[in-house]
């Protein structure tokens, strides 16, 4: 059985330097741009002491 290194998001075959990764560089960049605002932890004001 032959396995191909493909991006799990778009299905494009991964470049040699992208092997053993889940997503291609393009999809990783899109994910970083899409979810970068979610990583803003300065606005979190939850109080875990109560």
PDB file of N, CA and C in Angstrom:
ATOM      1  N   UNK A   1       0.845  -1.177   0.000  1.00  0.00           N
ATOM      2  CA  UNK A   1       0.000   0.000   0.000  1.00  0.00           C
ATOM      3  C   UNK A   1       0.890   1.241   0.000  1.00  0.00           C
ATOM      4  N   UNK A   2       0.615   2.160  -0.913  1.00  0.00           N
ATOM      5  CA  UNK A   2       1.388   3.401  -0.998  1.00  0.00           C
ATOM      6  C   UNK A   2       0.682   4.506  -0.233  1.00  0.00           C
ATOM      7  N   UNK A   3       1.440   5.194   0.573  1.00  0.00           N
ATOM      8  CA  UNK A   3       0.919   6.346   1.306  1.00  0.00           C
ATOM      9  C   UNK A   3       1.493   7.608   0.693  1.00  0.00           C
ATOM     10  N   UNK A   4       0.658   8.627   0.578  1.00  0.00           N
ATOM     11  CA  UNK A   4       1.113   9.916   0.078  1.00  0.00           C
ATOM     12  C   UNK A   4       1.097  10.904   1.226  1.00  0.00           C
ATOM     13  N   UNK A   5       2.057  11.790   1.223  1.00  0.00           N
ATOM     14  CA  UNK A   5       2.063  12.874   2.198  1.00  0.00           C
ATOM     15  C   UNK A   5       1.200  13.991   1.633  1.00  0.00           C
ATOM     16  N   UNK A   6      -0.026  14.087   2.153  1.00  0.00           N
ATOM     17  CA  UNK A   6      -0.969  15.090   1.677  1.00  0.00           C
ATOM     18  C   UNK A   6      -1.444  15.959   2.831  1.00  0.00           C
ATOM     19  N   UNK A   7      -1.756  17.187   2.509  1.00  0.00           N
ATOM     20  CA  UNK A   7      -2.307  18.130   3.479  1.00  0.00           C
ATOM     21  C   UNK A   7      -3.696  17.655   3.898  1.00  0.00           C
ATOM     22  N   UNK A   8      -3.972  17.648   5.200  1.00  0.00           N
ATOM     23  CA  UNK A   8      -5.281  17.199   5.668  1.00  0.00           C
ATOM     24  C   UNK A   8      -6.374  18.232   5.398  1.00  0.00           C
ATOM     25  N   UNK A   9      -5.994  19.474   5.115  1.00  0.00           N
ATOM     26  CA  UNK A   9      -6.985  20.518   4.870  1.00  0.00           C
ATOM     27  C   UNK A   9      -7.363  20.633   3.403  1.00  0.00           C
ATOM     28  N   UNK A  10      -6.370  20.675   2.519  1.00  0.00           N
ATOM     29  CA  UNK A  10      -6.665  20.894   1.100  1.00  0.00           C
ATOM     30  C   UNK A  10      -6.406  19.671   0.225  1.00  0.00           C
ATOM     31  N   UNK A  11      -5.683  18.678   0.738  1.00  0.00           N
ATOM     32  CA  UNK A  11      -5.416  17.466  -0.027  1.00  0.00           C
ATOM     33  C   UNK A  11      -4.240  17.567  -0.981  1.00  0.00           C
ATOM     34  N   UNK A  12      -3.605  18.733  -1.023  1.00  0.00           N
ATOM     35  CA  UNK A  12      -2.449  18.928  -1.902  1.00  0.00           C
ATOM     36  C   UNK A  12      -1.270  18.104  -1.390  1.00  0.00           C
ATOM     37  N   UNK A  13      -0.495  17.540  -2.328  1.00  0.00           N
ATOM     38  CA  UNK A  13       0.679  16.776  -1.921  1.00  0.00           C
ATOM     39  C   UNK A  13       1.699  17.709  -1.274  1.00  0.00           C
ATOM     40  N   UNK A  14       2.263  17.271  -0.163  1.00  0.00           N
ATOM     41  CA  UNK A  14       3.213  18.095   0.570  1.00  0.00           C
ATOM     42  C   UNK A  14       4.562  18.130  -0.133  1.00  0.00           C
ATOM     43  N   UNK A  15       5.223  19.267  -0.049  1.00  0.00           N
ATOM     44  CA  UNK A  15       6.569  19.426  -0.597  1.00  0.00           C
ATOM     45  C   UNK A  15       7.544  18.615   0.255  1.00  0.00           C
ATOM     46  N   UNK A  16       8.723  18.314  -0.278  1.00  0.00           N
ATOM     47  CA  UNK A  16       9.693  17.515   0.489  1.00  0.00           C
ATOM     48  C   UNK A  16      10.000  18.084   1.869  1.00  0.00           C
ATOM     49  N   UNK A  17      10.058  19.401   2.009  1.00  0.00           N
ATOM     50  CA  UNK A  17      10.382  19.993   3.312  1.00  0.00           C
ATOM     51  C   UNK A  17       9.168  20.019   4.252  1.00  0.00           C
ATOM     52  N   UNK A  18       7.984  19.652   3.740  1.00  0.00           N
ATOM     53  CA  UNK A  18       6.777  19.641   4.559  1.00  0.00           C
ATOM     54  C   UNK A  18       6.402  18.233   5.031  1.00  0.00           C
ATOM     55  N   UNK A  19       7.194  17.244   4.669  1.00  0.00           N
ATOM     56  CA  UNK A  19       6.878  15.860   5.021  1.00  0.00           C
ATOM     57  C   UNK A  19       6.740  15.706   6.530  1.00  0.00           C
ATOM     58  N   UNK A  20       5.937  14.748   6.941  1.00  0.00           N
ATOM     59  CA  UNK A  20       5.667  14.446   8.352  1.00  0.00           C
ATOM     60  C   UNK A  20       4.942  15.589   9.059  1.00  0.00           C
ATOM     61  N   UNK A  21       4.231  16.407   8.308  1.00  0.00           N
ATOM     62  CA  UNK A  21       3.392  17.460   8.886  1.00  0.00           C
ATOM     63  C   UNK A  21       1.951  17.200   8.461  1.00  0.00           C
ATOM     64  N   UNK A  22       1.026  17.762   9.191  1.00  0.00           N
ATOM     65  CA  UNK A  22      -0.388  17.542   8.879  1.00  0.00           C
ATOM     66  C   UNK A  22      -0.878  18.445   7.749  1.00  0.00           C
ATOM     67  N   UNK A  23      -0.344  19.670   7.686  1.00  0.00           N
ATOM     68  CA  UNK A  23      -0.837  20.629   6.706  1.00  0.00           C
ATOM     69  C   UNK A  23       0.310  21.240   5.908  1.00  0.00           C
ATOM     70  N   UNK A  24      -0.023  21.708   4.701  1.00  0.00           N
ATOM     71  CA  UNK A  24       0.962  22.393   3.872  1.00  0.00           C
ATOM     72  C   UNK A  24       1.194  23.803   4.412  1.00  0.00           C
ATOM     73  N   UNK A  25       2.215  24.449   3.929  1.00  0.00           N
ATOM     74  CA  UNK A  25       2.570  25.787   4.396  1.00  0.00           C
ATOM     75  C   UNK A  25       1.438  26.783   4.162  1.00  0.00           C
ATOM     76  N   UNK A  26       0.779  26.691   3.014  1.00  0.00           N
ATOM     77  CA  UNK A  26      -0.313  27.622   2.708  1.00  0.00           C
ATOM     78  C   UNK A  26      -1.453  27.499   3.721  1.00  0.00           C
ATOM     79  N   UNK A  27      -1.839  26.272   4.041  1.00  0.00           N
ATOM     80  CA  UNK A  27      -2.940  26.067   4.994  1.00  0.00           C
ATOM     81  C   UNK A  27      -2.533  26.472   6.402  1.00  0.00           C
ATOM     82  N   UNK A  28      -1.277  26.263   6.762  1.00  0.00           N
ATOM     83  CA  UNK A  28      -0.817  26.688   8.090  1.00  0.00           C
ATOM     84  C   UNK A  28      -0.839  28.199   8.195  1.00  0.00           C
ATOM     85  N   UNK A  29      -0.440  28.897   7.123  1.00  0.00           N
ATOM     86  CA  UNK A  29      -0.464  30.366   7.135  1.00  0.00           C
ATOM     87  C   UNK A  29      -1.894  30.882   7.252  1.00  0.00           C
ATOM     88  N   UNK A  30      -2.820  30.250   6.535  1.00  0.00           N
ATOM     89  CA  UNK A  30      -4.226  30.656   6.606  1.00  0.00           C
ATOM     90  C   UNK A  30      -4.754  30.452   8.021  1.00  0.00           C
ATOM     91  N   UNK A  31      -4.411  29.331   8.641  1.00  0.00           N
ATOM     92  CA  UNK A  31      -4.865  29.060  10.008  1.00  0.00           C
ATOM     93  C   UNK A  31      -4.295  30.082  10.981  1.00  0.00           C
ATOM     94  N   UNK A  32      -3.037  30.446  10.810  1.00  0.00           N
ATOM     95  CA  UNK A  32      -2.427  31.440  11.702  1.00  0.00           C
ATOM     96  C   UNK A  32      -3.109  32.794  11.558  1.00  0.00           C
ATOM     97  N   UNK A  33      -3.423  33.188  10.321  1.00  0.00           N
ATOM     98  CA  UNK A  33      -4.102  34.460  10.103  1.00  0.00           C
ATOM     99  C   UNK A  33      -5.520  34.419  10.661  1.00  0.00           C
ATOM    100  N   UNK A  34      -6.192  33.296  10.493  1.00  0.00           N
ATOM    101  CA  UNK A  34      -7.583  33.164  10.922  1.00  0.00           C
ATOM    102  C   UNK A  34      -7.709  33.155  12.432  1.00  0.00           C
ATOM    103  N   UNK A  35      -6.827  32.428  13.109  1.00  0.00           N
ATOM    104  CA  UNK A  35      -6.959  32.239  14.547  1.00  0.00           C
ATOM    105  C   UNK A  35      -5.997  33.075  15.370  1.00  0.00           C
ATOM    106  N   UNK A  36      -5.252  33.963  14.753  1.00  0.00           N
ATOM    107  CA  UNK A  36      -4.266  34.742  15.501  1.00  0.00           C
ATOM    108  C   UNK A  36      -4.924  35.645  16.540  1.00  0.00           C
ATOM    109  N   UNK A  37      -6.103  36.175  16.272  1.00  0.00           N
ATOM    110  CA  UNK A  37      -6.791  37.031  17.233  1.00  0.00           C
ATOM    111  C   UNK A  37      -7.269  36.249  18.454  1.00  0.00           C
ATOM    112  N   UNK A  38      -7.482  34.952  18.303  1.00  0.00           N
ATOM    113  CA  UNK A  38      -7.934  34.126  19.423  1.00  0.00           C
ATOM    114  C   UNK A  38      -6.852  33.945  20.471  1.00  0.00           C
ATOM    115  N   UNK A  39      -5.618  34.228  20.134  1.00  0.00           N
ATOM    116  CA  UNK A  39      -4.500  34.009  21.049  1.00  0.00           C
ATOM    117  C   UNK A  39      -4.227  35.227  21.921  1.00  0.00           C
ATOM    118  N   UNK A  40      -5.087  36.216  21.873  1.00  0.00           N
ATOM    119  CA  UNK A  40      -4.900  37.425  22.668  1.00  0.00           C
ATOM    120  C   UNK A  40      -5.338  37.155  24.101  1.00  0.00           C
ATOM    121  N   UNK A  41      -4.401  36.792  24.960  1.00  0.00           N
ATOM    122  CA  UNK A  41      -4.710  36.418  26.333  1.00  0.00           C
ATOM    123  C   UNK A  41      -4.759  37.620  27.276  1.00  0.00           C
ATOM    124  N   UNK A  42      -4.392  38.797  26.803  1.00  0.00           N
ATOM    125  CA  UNK A  42      -4.404  39.975  27.664  1.00  0.00           C
ATOM    126  C   UNK A  42      -5.822  40.375  28.045  1.00  0.00           C
ATOM    127  N   UNK A  43      -6.792  40.048  27.215  1.00  0.00           N
ATOM    128  CA  UNK A  43      -8.169  40.450  27.492  1.00  0.00           C
ATOM    129  C   UNK A  43      -8.886  39.465  28.408  1.00  0.00           C
ATOM    130  N   UNK A  44      -8.267  38.341  28.724  1.00  0.00           N
ATOM    131  CA  UNK A  44      -8.897  37.357  29.600  1.00  0.00           C
ATOM    132  C   UNK A  44      -8.813  37.847  31.043  1.00  0.00           C
ATOM    133  N   UNK A  45      -9.962  37.948  31.679  1.00  0.00           N
ATOM    134  CA  UNK A  45      -9.997  38.473  33.055  1.00  0.00           C
ATOM    135  C   UNK A  45     -10.678  37.501  34.005  1.00  0.00           C
ATOM    136  N   UNK A  46     -10.609  36.208  33.713  1.00  0.00           N
ATOM    137  CA  UNK A  46     -11.254  35.226  34.578  1.00  0.00           C
ATOM    138  C   UNK A  46     -10.511  35.127  35.900  1.00  0.00           C
ATOM    139  N   UNK A  47     -11.269  34.968  36.957  1.00  0.00           N
ATOM    140  CA  UNK A  47     -10.686  34.843  38.285  1.00  0.00           C
ATOM    141  C   UNK A  47     -10.820  33.386  38.725  1.00  0.00           C
ATOM    142  N   UNK A  48      -9.701  32.680  38.769  1.00  0.00           N
ATOM    143  CA  UNK A  48      -9.728  31.270  39.129  1.00  0.00           C
ATOM    144  C   UNK A  48      -9.644  31.057  40.636  1.00  0.00           C
ATOM    145  N   UNK A  49      -9.487  32.109  41.413  1.00  0.00           N
ATOM    146  CA  UNK A  49      -9.361  31.980  42.862  1.00  0.00           C
ATOM    147  C   UNK A  49     -10.717  31.787  43.531  1.00  0.00           C
ATOM    148  N   UNK A  50     -11.800  32.169  42.861  1.00  0.00           N
ATOM    149  CA  UNK A  50     -13.103  32.065  43.522  1.00  0.00           C
ATOM    150  C   UNK A  50     -13.727  30.702  43.378  1.00  0.00           C
TER     151      UNK A  50
END
